[in-house]
């Protein structure tokens, strides 16, 4: 099914049934790099997410009932992620760990070759890579054009060439499963 993508302040019926939740990259990046400007390794950020979980994005509709959520970026934001001021971990909402624990990666696949990274895409997984100072979520392989499509924070799809991807796949990973709330009618726990 193609619904035309996510819509701000709207939740599709299927989203409630199957538990689609947008998570805040800033909720783990803020611990990996405590300053607004700097950088972090994608594996370092993954380790934080595995250890303590991630917070939902504030773009989520209110009917999810999350007690704790933060913006996804300290940049401009857009339709698919909220922007706002930098939020250090010390300024996260009190009790945030109670919500974050529901969203921890359980199974993570680390491809051992570029071809394995492409296979993960073909199996519907998103492959997270770090390249040129950015974390990039490859979401689709376009074989006839030899491109890796990824959504960016400016509400458009961008592409990495096969040449770029072949130099960037090392250190990549795909999250195969995550912890989830037991009751989706009350997902905040």
Foldseek 3Di string as FASTA:
>chain_A
DDPPDDFFQDDDPVCLVVVDFAFALLQQVCVQPVDQDDAHAPVSSLVSCQVQATFTAPSYHCQQPAPFHYWRHCDPFDRRTHHHHRAHPVRGPPPRSLQRNQWGQDDKFQDPALVVVQVCLVVQWWKWWDDPRDIWTFNHADVVQQWTWTADRHGDIDIDHVVRSRVISHSMMTRPDTHFAPDSSHRND
